[in-house]
Amino acid sequence: EYSIADIAIYPWYGVLVEGALYDAAEFLSVHEYEHVRRW
C-alpha cells in the first residue's frame, strides 16, 4: 500500500538513485540498488 512513508522517502533516496541529487549517482554507485531504483 502506497503511503506517506513513500512520499517522505522518495524525494531524498528515490531522487538520489535517479541521479538527480548532488550529482552523486556515479560516486555512490547507485546502480547497485536495483530494488530502490525499481521503487
Full PDB file with SEQRES, HELIX, SHEET, SSBOND, CRYST1, ORIGX, SCALE, CONECT and MASTER records, all heavy atoms in Angstrom:
SEQRES   1 A   39  GLU TYR SER ILE ALA ASP ILE ALA ILE TYR PRO TRP TYR          
SEQRES   2 A   39  GLY VAL LEU VAL GLU GLY ALA LEU TYR ASP ALA ALA GLU          
SEQRES   3 A   39  PHE LEU SER VAL HIS GLU TYR GLU HIS VAL ARG ARG TRP          
HELIX    1 AA1 ILE A    4  ILE A    9  1                                   6    
HELIX    2 AA2 TYR A   10  GLY A   14  3                                   5    
HELIX    3 AA3 VAL A   15  VAL A   17  1                                   3    
HELIX    4 AA4 VAL A   30  GLU A   32  5                                   3    
HELIX    5 AA5 GLU A   34  ARG A   38  1                                   5    
CRYST1    1.000    1.000    1.000  90.00  90.00  90.00 P 1           1          
ORIGX1      1.000000  0.000000  0.000000        0.00000                         
ORIGX2      0.000000  1.000000  0.000000        0.00000                         
ORIGX3      0.000000  0.000000  1.000000        0.00000                         
SCALE1      1.000000  0.000000  0.000000        0.00000                         
SCALE2      0.000000  1.000000  0.000000        0.00000                         
SCALE3      0.000000  0.000000  1.000000        0.00000                         
ATOM      1  N   GLU A   1       0.826  -1.199   0.000  1.00  0.00           N  
ATOM      2  CA  GLU A   1       0.000   0.000   0.000  1.00  0.00           C  
ATOM      3  C   GLU A   1       0.863   1.253   0.000  1.00  0.00           C  
ATOM      4  O   GLU A   1       1.691   1.457   0.897  1.00  0.00           O  
ATOM      5  CB  GLU A   1      -0.922  -0.008   1.233  1.00  0.00           C  
ATOM      6  CG  GLU A   1      -1.974   1.069   1.245  1.00  0.00           C  
ATOM      7  CD  GLU A   1      -2.959   0.899   2.397  1.00  0.00           C  
ATOM      8  OE1 GLU A   1      -3.015  -0.196   2.992  1.00  0.00           O  
ATOM      9  OE2 GLU A   1      -3.663   1.882   2.710  1.00  0.00           O  
ATOM     10  N   TYR A   2       0.674   2.087  -1.017  1.00  0.00           N  
ATOM     11  CA  TYR A   2       1.375   3.370  -1.123  1.00  0.00           C  
ATOM     12  C   TYR A   2       0.950   4.267   0.035  1.00  0.00           C  
ATOM     13  O   TYR A   2      -0.231   4.361   0.359  1.00  0.00           O  
ATOM     14  CB  TYR A   2       1.003   4.004  -2.454  1.00  0.00           C  
ATOM     15  CG  TYR A   2       1.584   5.363  -2.740  1.00  0.00           C  
ATOM     16  CD1 TYR A   2       2.948   5.531  -2.971  1.00  0.00           C  
ATOM     17  CD2 TYR A   2       0.763   6.480  -2.847  1.00  0.00           C  
ATOM     18  CE1 TYR A   2       3.476   6.781  -3.275  1.00  0.00           C  
ATOM     19  CE2 TYR A   2       1.276   7.735  -3.153  1.00  0.00           C  
ATOM     20  CZ  TYR A   2       2.635   7.877  -3.370  1.00  0.00           C  
ATOM     21  OH  TYR A   2       3.150   9.114  -3.680  1.00  0.00           O  
ATOM     22  N   SER A   3       1.920   4.934   0.657  1.00  0.00           N  
ATOM     23  CA  SER A   3       1.601   5.690   1.874  1.00  0.00           C  
ATOM     24  C   SER A   3       2.517   6.898   2.035  1.00  0.00           C  
ATOM     25  O   SER A   3       3.412   7.152   1.216  1.00  0.00           O  
ATOM     26  CB  SER A   3       1.746   4.785   3.106  1.00  0.00           C  
ATOM     27  OG  SER A   3       3.125   4.548   3.391  1.00  0.00           O  
ATOM     28  N   ILE A   4       2.287   7.612   3.135  1.00  0.00           N  
ATOM     29  CA  ILE A   4       3.129   8.776   3.441  1.00  0.00           C  
ATOM     30  C   ILE A   4       4.587   8.377   3.649  1.00  0.00           C  
ATOM     31  O   ILE A   4       5.480   9.224   3.511  1.00  0.00           O  
ATOM     32  CB  ILE A   4       2.604   9.550   4.656  1.00  0.00           C  
ATOM     33  CG1 ILE A   4       2.509   8.666   5.900  1.00  0.00           C  
ATOM     34  CG2 ILE A   4       1.266  10.207   4.346  1.00  0.00           C  
ATOM     35  CD1 ILE A   4       2.114   9.422   7.167  1.00  0.00           C  
ATOM     36  N   ALA A   5       4.854   7.124   3.942  1.00  0.00           N  
ATOM     37  CA  ALA A   5       6.254   6.691   4.065  1.00  0.00           C  
ATOM     38  C   ALA A   5       6.963   6.798   2.722  1.00  0.00           C  
ATOM     39  O   ALA A   5       8.113   7.242   2.643  1.00  0.00           O  
ATOM     40  CB  ALA A   5       6.316   5.263   4.594  1.00  0.00           C  
ATOM     41  N   ASP A   6       6.291   6.403   1.652  1.00  0.00           N  
ATOM     42  CA  ASP A   6       6.870   6.527   0.317  1.00  0.00           C  
ATOM     43  C   ASP A   6       7.042   7.997  -0.062  1.00  0.00           C  
ATOM     44  O   ASP A   6       8.062   8.380  -0.640  1.00  0.00           O  
ATOM     45  CB  ASP A   6       5.968   5.830  -0.706  1.00  0.00           C  
ATOM     46  CG  ASP A   6       5.764   4.365  -0.407  1.00  0.00           C  
ATOM     47  OD1 ASP A   6       6.694   3.577  -0.648  1.00  0.00           O  
ATOM     48  OD2 ASP A   6       4.679   4.007   0.084  1.00  0.00           O  
ATOM     49  N   ILE A   7       6.033   8.810   0.275  1.00  0.00           N  
ATOM     50  CA  ILE A   7       6.094  10.239  -0.046  1.00  0.00           C  
ATOM     51  C   ILE A   7       7.254  10.901   0.686  1.00  0.00           C  
ATOM     52  O   ILE A   7       7.905  11.806   0.153  1.00  0.00           O  
ATOM     53  CB  ILE A   7       4.758  10.910   0.307  1.00  0.00           C  
ATOM     54  CG1 ILE A   7       3.638  10.343  -0.586  1.00  0.00           C  
ATOM     55  CG2 ILE A   7       4.846  12.428   0.155  1.00  0.00           C  
ATOM     56  CD1 ILE A   7       2.244  10.816  -0.204  1.00  0.00           C  
ATOM     57  N   ALA A   8       7.543  10.455   1.896  1.00  0.00           N  
ATOM     58  CA  ALA A   8       8.649  11.039   2.664  1.00  0.00           C  
ATOM     59  C   ALA A   8      10.009  10.610   2.136  1.00  0.00           C  
ATOM     60  O   ALA A   8      10.950  11.415   2.079  1.00  0.00           O  
ATOM     61  CB  ALA A   8       8.512  10.641   4.136  1.00  0.00           C  
ATOM     62  N   ILE A   9      10.134   9.355   1.760  1.00  0.00           N  
ATOM     63  CA  ILE A   9      11.445   8.796   1.406  1.00  0.00           C  
ATOM     64  C   ILE A   9      11.844   9.097  -0.036  1.00  0.00           C  
ATOM     65  O   ILE A   9      13.023   9.353  -0.323  1.00  0.00           O  
ATOM     66  CB  ILE A   9      11.454   7.281   1.680  1.00  0.00           C  
ATOM     67  CG1 ILE A   9      11.328   7.034   3.193  1.00  0.00           C  
ATOM     68  CG2 ILE A   9      12.721   6.612   1.140  1.00  0.00           C  
ATOM     69  CD1 ILE A   9      11.103   5.583   3.569  1.00  0.00           C  
ATOM     70  N   TYR A  10      10.872   9.105  -0.946  1.00  0.00           N  
ATOM     71  CA  TYR A  10      11.209   9.267  -2.366  1.00  0.00           C  
ATOM     72  C   TYR A  10      11.997  10.543  -2.671  1.00  0.00           C  
ATOM     73  O   TYR A  10      13.009  10.476  -3.400  1.00  0.00           O  
ATOM     74  CB  TYR A  10       9.946   9.204  -3.235  1.00  0.00           C  
ATOM     75  CG  TYR A  10      10.231   9.624  -4.651  1.00  0.00           C  
ATOM     76  CD1 TYR A  10      10.879   8.750  -5.537  1.00  0.00           C  
ATOM     77  CD2 TYR A  10       9.940  10.912  -5.099  1.00  0.00           C  
ATOM     78  CE1 TYR A  10      11.202   9.151  -6.819  1.00  0.00           C  
ATOM     79  CE2 TYR A  10      10.264  11.322  -6.375  1.00  0.00           C  
ATOM     80  CZ  TYR A  10      10.891  10.433  -7.238  1.00  0.00           C  
ATOM     81  OH  TYR A  10      11.225  10.840  -8.505  1.00  0.00           O  
ATOM     82  N   PRO A  11      11.601  11.731  -2.187  1.00  0.00           N  
ATOM     83  CA  PRO A  11      12.326  12.943  -2.596  1.00  0.00           C  
ATOM     84  C   PRO A  11      13.799  12.952  -2.215  1.00  0.00           C  
ATOM     85  O   PRO A  11      14.594  13.681  -2.824  1.00  0.00           O  
ATOM     86  CB  PRO A  11      11.559  14.062  -1.870  1.00  0.00           C  
ATOM     87  CG  PRO A  11      10.189  13.514  -1.664  1.00  0.00           C  
ATOM     88  CD  PRO A  11      10.422  12.061  -1.356  1.00  0.00           C  
ATOM     89  N   TRP A  12      14.172  12.165  -1.233  1.00  0.00           N  
ATOM     90  CA  TRP A  12      15.574  12.033  -0.863  1.00  0.00           C  
ATOM     91  C   TRP A  12      16.230  10.848  -1.570  1.00  0.00           C  
ATOM     92  O   TRP A  12      17.110  11.015  -2.410  1.00  0.00           O  
ATOM     93  CB  TRP A  12      15.718  11.874   0.657  1.00  0.00           C  
ATOM     94  CG  TRP A  12      15.531  13.145   1.425  1.00  0.00           C  
ATOM     95  CD1 TRP A  12      14.437  13.524   2.162  1.00  0.00           C  
ATOM     96  CD2 TRP A  12      16.471  14.222   1.527  1.00  0.00           C  
ATOM     97  NE1 TRP A  12      14.637  14.760   2.720  1.00  0.00           N  
ATOM     98  CE2 TRP A  12      15.872  15.216   2.354  1.00  0.00           C  
ATOM     99  CE3 TRP A  12      17.740  14.441   1.030  1.00  0.00           C  
ATOM    100  CZ2 TRP A  12      16.530  16.405   2.665  1.00  0.00           C  
ATOM    101  CZ3 TRP A  12      18.400  15.622   1.347  1.00  0.00           C  
ATOM    102  CH2 TRP A  12      17.789  16.590   2.152  1.00  0.00           C  
ATOM    103  N   TYR A  13      15.805   9.662  -1.241  1.00  0.00           N  
ATOM    104  CA  TYR A  13      16.519   8.469  -1.695  1.00  0.00           C  
ATOM    105  C   TYR A  13      16.102   8.033  -3.095  1.00  0.00           C  
ATOM    106  O   TYR A  13      16.930   7.522  -3.857  1.00  0.00           O  
ATOM    107  CB  TYR A  13      16.319   7.340  -0.679  1.00  0.00           C  
ATOM    108  CG  TYR A  13      16.903   7.697   0.663  1.00  0.00           C  
ATOM    109  CD1 TYR A  13      16.136   8.341   1.635  1.00  0.00           C  
ATOM    110  CD2 TYR A  13      18.250   7.458   0.956  1.00  0.00           C  
ATOM    111  CE1 TYR A  13      16.680   8.717   2.851  1.00  0.00           C  
ATOM    112  CE2 TYR A  13      18.804   7.830   2.168  1.00  0.00           C  
ATOM    113  CZ  TYR A  13      18.015   8.465   3.115  1.00  0.00           C  
ATOM    114  OH  TYR A  13      18.558   8.854   4.309  1.00  0.00           O  
ATOM    115  N   GLY A  14      14.844   8.249  -3.460  1.00  0.00           N  
ATOM    116  CA  GLY A  14      14.432   7.946  -4.819  1.00  0.00           C  
ATOM    117  C   GLY A  14      15.113   8.848  -5.818  1.00  0.00           C  
ATOM    118  O   GLY A  14      15.657   8.392  -6.833  1.00  0.00           O  
ATOM    119  N   VAL A  15      15.101  10.145  -5.532  1.00  0.00           N  
ATOM    120  CA  VAL A  15      15.751  11.099  -6.425  1.00  0.00           C  
ATOM    121  C   VAL A  15      17.260  10.861  -6.466  1.00  0.00           C  
ATOM    122  O   VAL A  15      17.907  11.028  -7.504  1.00  0.00           O  
ATOM    123  CB  VAL A  15      15.416  12.536  -6.002  1.00  0.00           C  
ATOM    124  CG1 VAL A  15      16.208  13.550  -6.815  1.00  0.00           C  
ATOM    125  CG2 VAL A  15      13.916  12.792  -6.165  1.00  0.00           C  
ATOM    126  N   LEU A  16      17.832  10.423  -5.352  1.00  0.00           N  
ATOM    127  CA  LEU A  16      19.264  10.113  -5.323  1.00  0.00           C  
ATOM    128  C   LEU A  16      19.608   9.003  -6.301  1.00  0.00           C  
ATOM    129  O   LEU A  16      20.555   9.121  -7.085  1.00  0.00           O  
ATOM    130  CB  LEU A  16      19.686   9.713  -3.898  1.00  0.00           C  
ATOM    131  CG  LEU A  16      21.150   9.319  -3.717  1.00  0.00           C  
ATOM    132  CD1 LEU A  16      22.081  10.504  -3.961  1.00  0.00           C  
ATOM    133  CD2 LEU A  16      21.388   8.744  -2.308  1.00  0.00           C  
ATOM    134  N   VAL A  17      18.855   7.903  -6.282  1.00  0.00           N  
ATOM    135  CA  VAL A  17      19.180   6.790  -7.181  1.00  0.00           C  
ATOM    136  C   VAL A  17      18.799   7.090  -8.624  1.00  0.00           C  
ATOM    137  O   VAL A  17      19.274   6.416  -9.544  1.00  0.00           O  
ATOM    138  CB  VAL A  17      18.538   5.462  -6.717  1.00  0.00           C  
ATOM    139  CG1 VAL A  17      19.031   5.081  -5.331  1.00  0.00           C  
ATOM    140  CG2 VAL A  17      17.019   5.515  -6.774  1.00  0.00           C  
ATOM    141  N   GLU A  18      17.967   8.114  -8.825  1.00  0.00           N  
ATOM    142  CA  GLU A  18      17.672   8.559 -10.191  1.00  0.00           C  
ATOM    143  C   GLU A  18      18.790   9.436 -10.743  1.00  0.00           C  
ATOM    144  O   GLU A  18      18.787   9.783 -11.920  1.00  0.00           O  
ATOM    145  CB  GLU A  18      16.350   9.341 -10.211  1.00  0.00           C  
ATOM    146  CG  GLU A  18      15.122   8.482  -9.973  1.00  0.00           C  
ATOM    147  CD  GLU A  18      13.857   9.309  -9.776  1.00  0.00           C  
ATOM    148  OE1 GLU A  18      13.957  10.538  -9.506  1.00  0.00           O  
ATOM    149  OE2 GLU A  18      12.777   8.718  -9.870  1.00  0.00           O  
ATOM    150  N   GLY A  19      19.740   9.801  -9.898  1.00  0.00           N  
ATOM    151  CA  GLY A  19      20.870  10.604 -10.341  1.00  0.00           C  
ATOM    152  C   GLY A  19      20.633  12.090 -10.326  1.00  0.00           C  
ATOM    153  O   GLY A  19      21.393  12.855 -10.930  1.00  0.00           O  
ATOM    154  N   ALA A  20      19.594  12.541  -9.606  1.00  0.00           N  
ATOM    155  CA  ALA A  20      19.240  13.956  -9.628  1.00  0.00           C  
ATOM    156  C   ALA A  20      19.470  14.655  -8.298  1.00  0.00           C  
ATOM    157  O   ALA A  20      18.894  15.717  -8.048  1.00  0.00           O  
ATOM    158  CB  ALA A  20      17.779  14.112 -10.050  1.00  0.00           C  
ATOM    159  N   LEU A  21      20.306  14.076  -7.447  1.00  0.00           N  
ATOM    160  CA  LEU A  21      20.599  14.696  -6.160  1.00  0.00           C  
ATOM    161  C   LEU A  21      22.105  14.727  -5.943  1.00  0.00           C  
ATOM    162  O   LEU A  21      22.768  13.679  -5.945  1.00  0.00           O  
ATOM    163  CB  LEU A  21      19.917  13.913  -5.026  1.00  0.00           C  
ATOM    164  CG  LEU A  21      19.972  14.540  -3.627  1.00  0.00           C  
ATOM    165  CD1 LEU A  21      19.202  15.865  -3.615  1.00  0.00           C  
ATOM    166  CD2 LEU A  21      19.386  13.584  -2.589  1.00  0.00           C  
ATOM    167  N   TYR A  22      22.653  15.928  -5.822  1.00  0.00           N  
ATOM    168  CA  TYR A  22      24.079  16.158  -5.551  1.00  0.00           C  
ATOM    169  C   TYR A  22      25.004  15.678  -6.670  1.00  0.00           C  
ATOM    170  O   TYR A  22      26.220  15.629  -6.483  1.00  0.00           O  
ATOM    171  CB  TYR A  22      24.502  15.500  -4.231  1.00  0.00           C  
ATOM    172  CG  TYR A  22      23.676  15.914  -3.050  1.00  0.00           C  
ATOM    173  CD1 TYR A  22      23.138  14.946  -2.183  1.00  0.00           C  
ATOM    174  CD2 TYR A  22      23.411  17.253  -2.781  1.00  0.00           C  
ATOM    175  CE1 TYR A  22      22.362  15.317  -1.090  1.00  0.00           C  
ATOM    176  CE2 TYR A  22      22.634  17.628  -1.692  1.00  0.00           C  
ATOM    177  CZ  TYR A  22      22.114  16.655  -0.857  1.00  0.00           C  
ATOM    178  OH  TYR A  22      21.352  17.008   0.216  1.00  0.00           O  
ATOM    179  N   ASP A  23      24.443  15.272  -7.816  1.00  0.00           N  
ATOM    180  CA  ASP A  23      25.269  14.766  -8.922  1.00  0.00           C  
ATOM    181  C   ASP A  23      26.205  13.671  -8.415  1.00  0.00           C  
ATOM    182  O   ASP A  23      27.395  13.623  -8.766  1.00  0.00           O  
ATOM    183  CB  ASP A  23      26.067  15.916  -9.553  1.00  0.00           C  
ATOM    184  CG  ASP A  23      26.670  15.538 -10.891  1.00  0.00           C  
ATOM    185  OD1 ASP A  23      26.139  14.631 -11.554  1.00  0.00           O  
ATOM    186  OD2 ASP A  23      27.696  16.161 -11.277  1.00  0.00           O  
ATOM    187  N   ALA A  24      25.644  12.790  -7.584  1.00  0.00           N  
ATOM    188  CA  ALA A  24      26.477  11.808  -6.890  1.00  0.00           C  
ATOM    189  C   ALA A  24      26.158  10.367  -7.270  1.00  0.00           C  
ATOM    190  O   ALA A  24      26.599   9.436  -6.600  1.00  0.00           O  
ATOM    191  CB  ALA A  24      26.311  11.978  -5.380  1.00  0.00           C  
ATOM    192  N   ALA A  25      25.395  10.160  -8.343  1.00  0.00           N  
ATOM    193  CA  ALA A  25      24.973   8.800  -8.697  1.00  0.00           C  
ATOM    194  C   ALA A  25      26.165   7.895  -8.978  1.00  0.00           C  
ATOM    195  O   ALA A  25      26.227   6.752  -8.492  1.00  0.00           O  
ATOM    196  CB  ALA A  25      24.040   8.842  -9.902  1.00  0.00           C  
ATOM    197  N   GLU A  26      27.119   8.379  -9.765  1.00  0.00           N  
ATOM    198  CA  GLU A  26      28.285   7.547 -10.089  1.00  0.00           C  
ATOM    199  C   GLU A  26      29.157   7.339  -8.855  1.00  0.00           C  
ATOM    200  O   GLU A  26      29.617   6.227  -8.589  1.00  0.00           O  
ATOM    201  CB  GLU A  26      29.099   8.206 -11.201  1.00  0.00           C  
ATOM    202  CG  GLU A  26      30.311   7.379 -11.630  1.00  0.00           C  
ATOM    203  CD  GLU A  26      31.090   8.025 -12.767  1.00  0.00           C  
ATOM    204  OE1 GLU A  26      30.786   9.186 -13.130  1.00  0.00           O  
ATOM    205  OE2 GLU A  26      32.017   7.378 -13.275  1.00  0.00           O  
ATOM    206  N   PHE A  27      29.354   8.403  -8.087  1.00  0.00           N  
ATOM    207  CA  PHE A  27      30.205   8.323  -6.904  1.00  0.00           C  
ATOM    208  C   PHE A  27      29.673   7.285  -5.918  1.00  0.00           C  
ATOM    209  O   PHE A  27      30.448   6.525  -5.317  1.00  0.00           O  
ATOM    210  CB  PHE A  27      30.282   9.704  -6.235  1.00  0.00           C  
ATOM    211  CG  PHE A  27      31.144   9.747  -5.008  1.00  0.00           C  
ATOM    212  CD1 PHE A  27      32.521   9.733  -5.102  1.00  0.00           C  
ATOM    213  CD2 PHE A  27      30.575   9.815  -3.736  1.00  0.00           C  
ATOM    214  CE1 PHE A  27      33.330   9.774  -3.967  1.00  0.00           C  
ATOM    215  CE2 PHE A  27      31.366   9.860  -2.595  1.00  0.00           C  
ATOM    216  CZ  PHE A  27      32.752   9.840  -2.713  1.00  0.00           C  
ATOM    217  N   LEU A  28      28.361   7.221  -5.763  1.00  0.00           N  
ATOM    218  CA  LEU A  28      27.747   6.300  -4.803  1.00  0.00           C  
ATOM    219  C   LEU A  28      27.343   4.973  -5.429  1.00  0.00           C  
ATOM    220  O   LEU A  28      26.769   4.115  -4.737  1.00  0.00           O  
ATOM    221  CB  LEU A  28      26.525   6.958  -4.161  1.00  0.00           C  
ATOM    222  CG  LEU A  28      26.809   8.174  -3.281  1.00  0.00           C  
ATOM    223  CD1 LEU A  28      25.505   8.842  -2.862  1.00  0.00           C  
ATOM    224  CD2 LEU A  28      27.641   7.794  -2.053  1.00  0.00           C  
ATOM    225  N   SER A  29      27.633   4.799  -6.706  1.00  0.00           N  
ATOM    226  CA  SER A  29      27.290   3.539  -7.417  1.00  0.00           C  
ATOM    227  C   SER A  29      25.828   3.165  -7.192  1.00  0.00           C  
ATOM    228  O   SER A  29      25.496   2.039  -6.787  1.00  0.00           O  
ATOM    229  CB  SER A  29      28.211   2.398  -6.960  1.00  0.00           C  
ATOM    230  OG  SER A  29      29.563   2.689  -7.196  1.00  0.00           O  
ATOM    231  N   VAL A  30      24.929   4.095  -7.467  1.00  0.00           N  
ATOM    232  CA  VAL A  30      23.518   3.844  -7.169  1.00  0.00           C  
ATOM    233  C   VAL A  30      22.924   2.724  -8.012  1.00  0.00           C  
ATOM    234  O   VAL A  30      21.856   2.185  -7.667  1.00  0.00           O  
ATOM    235  CB  VAL A  30      22.681   5.139  -7.318  1.00  0.00           C  
ATOM    236  CG1 VAL A  30      23.171   6.209  -6.366  1.00  0.00           C  
ATOM    237  CG2 VAL A  30      22.683   5.637  -8.759  1.00  0.00           C  
ATOM    238  N   HIS A  31      23.590   2.354  -9.097  1.00  0.00           N  
ATOM    239  CA  HIS A  31      23.084   1.244  -9.918  1.00  0.00           C  
ATOM    240  C   HIS A  31      23.035  -0.067  -9.132  1.00  0.00           C  
ATOM    241  O   HIS A  31      22.318  -1.004  -9.522  1.00  0.00           O  
ATOM    242  CB  HIS A  31      23.968   1.065 -11.151  1.00  0.00           C  
ATOM    243  CG  HIS A  31      25.367   0.624 -10.822  1.00  0.00           C  
ATOM    244  ND1 HIS A  31      26.370   1.507 -10.453  1.00  0.00           N  
ATOM    245  CD2 HIS A  31      25.926  -0.622 -10.790  1.00  0.00           C  
ATOM    246  CE1 HIS A  31      27.481   0.836 -10.224  1.00  0.00           C  
ATOM    247  NE2 HIS A  31      27.250  -0.457 -10.404  1.00  0.00           N  
ATOM    248  N   GLU A  32      23.766  -0.135  -8.027  1.00  0.00           N  
ATOM    249  CA  GLU A  32      23.789  -1.365  -7.219  1.00  0.00           C  
ATOM    250  C   GLU A  32      22.460  -1.620  -6.511  1.00  0.00           C  
ATOM    251  O   GLU A  32      22.182  -2.765  -6.123  1.00  0.00           O  
ATOM    252  CB  GLU A  32      24.897  -1.265  -6.160  1.00  0.00           C  
ATOM    253  CG  GLU A  32      26.295  -1.136  -6.728  1.00  0.00           C  
ATOM    254  CD  GLU A  32      27.341  -0.874  -5.650  1.00  0.00           C  
ATOM    255  OE1 GLU A  32      26.956  -0.562  -4.496  1.00  0.00           O  
ATOM    256  OE2 GLU A  32      28.540  -0.982  -5.957  1.00  0.00           O  
ATOM    257  N   TYR A  33      21.636  -0.599  -6.364  1.00  0.00           N  
ATOM    258  CA  TYR A  33      20.428  -0.723  -5.540  1.00  0.00           C  
ATOM    259  C   TYR A  33      19.202  -0.883  -6.450  1.00  0.00           C  
ATOM    260  O   TYR A  33      18.360  -0.004  -6.567  1.00  0.00           O  
ATOM    261  CB  TYR A  33      20.320   0.494  -4.618  1.00  0.00           C  
ATOM    262  CG  TYR A  33      21.607   0.712  -3.845  1.00  0.00           C  
ATOM    263  CD1 TYR A  33      22.512   1.700  -4.222  1.00  0.00           C  
ATOM    264  CD2 TYR A  33      21.952  -0.118  -2.778  1.00  0.00           C  
ATOM    265  CE1 TYR A  33      23.711   1.876  -3.534  1.00  0.00           C  
ATOM    266  CE2 TYR A  33      23.146   0.047  -2.085  1.00  0.00           C  
ATOM    267  CZ  TYR A  33      24.021   1.041  -2.481  1.00  0.00           C  
ATOM    268  OH  TYR A  33      25.212   1.204  -1.808  1.00  0.00           O  
ATOM    269  N   GLU A  34      19.116  -2.053  -7.068  1.00  0.00           N  
ATOM    270  CA  GLU A  34      18.118  -2.281  -8.113  1.00  0.00           C  
ATOM    271  C   GLU A  34      16.689  -2.204  -7.586  1.00  0.00           C  
ATOM    272  O   GLU A  34      15.785  -1.741  -8.295  1.00  0.00           O  
ATOM    273  CB  GLU A  34      18.342  -3.645  -8.775  1.00  0.00           C  
ATOM    274  CG  GLU A  34      18.283  -4.833  -7.819  1.00  0.00           C  
ATOM    275  CD  GLU A  34      18.458  -6.154  -8.552  1.00  0.00           C  
ATOM    276  OE1 GLU A  34      17.793  -6.343  -9.587  1.00  0.00           O  
ATOM    277  OE2 GLU A  34      19.275  -6.982  -8.083  1.00  0.00           O  
ATOM    278  N   HIS A  35      16.462  -2.626  -6.375  1.00  0.00           N  
ATOM    279  CA  HIS A  35      15.099  -2.600  -5.839  1.00  0.00           C  
ATOM    280  C   HIS A  35      14.678  -1.181  -5.471  1.00  0.00           C  
ATOM    281  O   HIS A  35      13.502  -0.824  -5.637  1.00  0.00           O  
ATOM    282  CB  HIS A  35      14.996  -3.532  -4.633  1.00  0.00           C  
ATOM    283  CG  HIS A  35      15.397  -4.929  -4.942  1.00  0.00           C  
ATOM    284  ND1 HIS A  35      14.726  -5.714  -5.847  1.00  0.00           N  
ATOM    285  CD2 HIS A  35      16.438  -5.697  -4.481  1.00  0.00           C  
ATOM    286  CE1 HIS A  35      15.310  -6.897  -5.935  1.00  0.00           C  
ATOM    287  NE2 HIS A  35      16.353  -6.899  -5.121  1.00  0.00           N  
ATOM    288  N   VAL A  36      15.609  -0.371  -4.995  1.00  0.00           N  
ATOM    289  CA  VAL A  36      15.308   1.039  -4.738  1.00  0.00           C  
ATOM    290  C   VAL A  36      15.022   1.745  -6.054  1.00  0.00           C  
ATOM    291  O   VAL A  36      14.091   2.562  -6.152  1.00  0.00           O  
ATOM    292  CB  VAL A  36      16.463   1.739  -3.994  1.00  0.00           C  
ATOM    293  CG1 VAL A  36      16.093   3.178  -3.673  1.00  0.00           C  
ATOM    294  CG2 VAL A  36      16.807   0.995  -2.715  1.00  0.00           C  
ATOM    295  N   ARG A  37      15.768   1.418  -7.078  1.00  0.00           N  
ATOM    296  CA  ARG A  37      15.569   2.039  -8.384  1.00  0.00           C  
ATOM    297  C   ARG A  37      14.223   1.640  -8.974  1.00  0.00           C  
ATOM    298  O   ARG A  37      13.528   2.469  -9.576  1.00  0.00           O  
ATOM    299  CB  ARG A  37      16.719   1.675  -9.317  1.00  0.00           C  
ATOM    300  CG  ARG A  37      18.069   2.272  -8.893  1.00  0.00           C  
ATOM    301  CD  ARG A  37      19.193   1.800  -9.787  1.00  0.00           C  
ATOM    302  NE  ARG A  37      19.015   2.309 -11.133  1.00  0.00           N  
ATOM    303  CZ  ARG A  37      19.571   1.763 -12.223  1.00  0.00           C  
ATOM    304  NH1 ARG A  37      20.314   0.663 -12.101  1.00  0.00           N  
ATOM    305  NH2 ARG A  37      19.375   2.282 -13.399  1.00  0.00           N  
ATOM    306  N   ARG A  38      13.829   0.387  -8.814  1.00  0.00           N  
ATOM    307  CA  ARG A  38      12.512  -0.064  -9.303  1.00  0.00           C  
ATOM    308  C   ARG A  38      11.408   0.708  -8.603  1.00  0.00           C  
ATOM    309  O   ARG A  38      10.481   1.214  -9.234  1.00  0.00           O  
ATOM    310  CB  ARG A  38      12.372  -1.563  -9.048  1.00  0.00           C  
ATOM    311  CG  ARG A  38      11.059  -2.200  -9.516  1.00  0.00           C  
ATOM    312  CD  ARG A  38       9.944  -2.133  -8.496  1.00  0.00           C  
ATOM    313  NE  ARG A  38      10.342  -2.662  -7.197  1.00  0.00           N  
ATOM    314  CZ  ARG A  38       9.684  -2.406  -6.078  1.00  0.00           C  
ATOM    315  NH1 ARG A  38       8.624  -1.603  -6.065  1.00  0.00           N  
ATOM    316  NH2 ARG A  38      10.101  -2.912  -4.925  1.00  0.00           N  
ATOM    317  N   TRP A  39      11.517   0.802  -7.283  1.00  0.00           N  
ATOM    318  CA  TRP A  39      10.526   1.527  -6.479  1.00  0.00           C  
ATOM    319  C   TRP A  39      10.500   2.999  -6.871  1.00  0.00           C  
ATOM    320  O   TRP A  39       9.423   3.583  -7.043  1.00  0.00           O  
ATOM    321  CB  TRP A  39      10.877   1.339  -5.006  1.00  0.00           C  
ATOM    322  CG  TRP A  39      10.219   2.265  -4.037  1.00  0.00           C  
ATOM    323  CD1 TRP A  39       8.975   2.153  -3.488  1.00  0.00           C  
ATOM    324  CD2 TRP A  39      10.790   3.467  -3.485  1.00  0.00           C  
ATOM    325  NE1 TRP A  39       8.728   3.200  -2.618  1.00  0.00           N  
ATOM    326  CE2 TRP A  39       9.823   4.013  -2.600  1.00  0.00           C  
ATOM    327  CE3 TRP A  39      12.013   4.107  -3.645  1.00  0.00           C  
ATOM    328  CZ2 TRP A  39      10.057   5.188  -1.885  1.00  0.00           C  
ATOM    329  CZ3 TRP A  39      12.249   5.276  -2.938  1.00  0.00           C  
ATOM    330  CH2 TRP A  39      11.278   5.803  -2.072  1.00  0.00           C  
TER     331      TRP A  39                                                      
MASTER        0    0    0    5    0    0    0    6  330    1    0    3          
END                                                                             
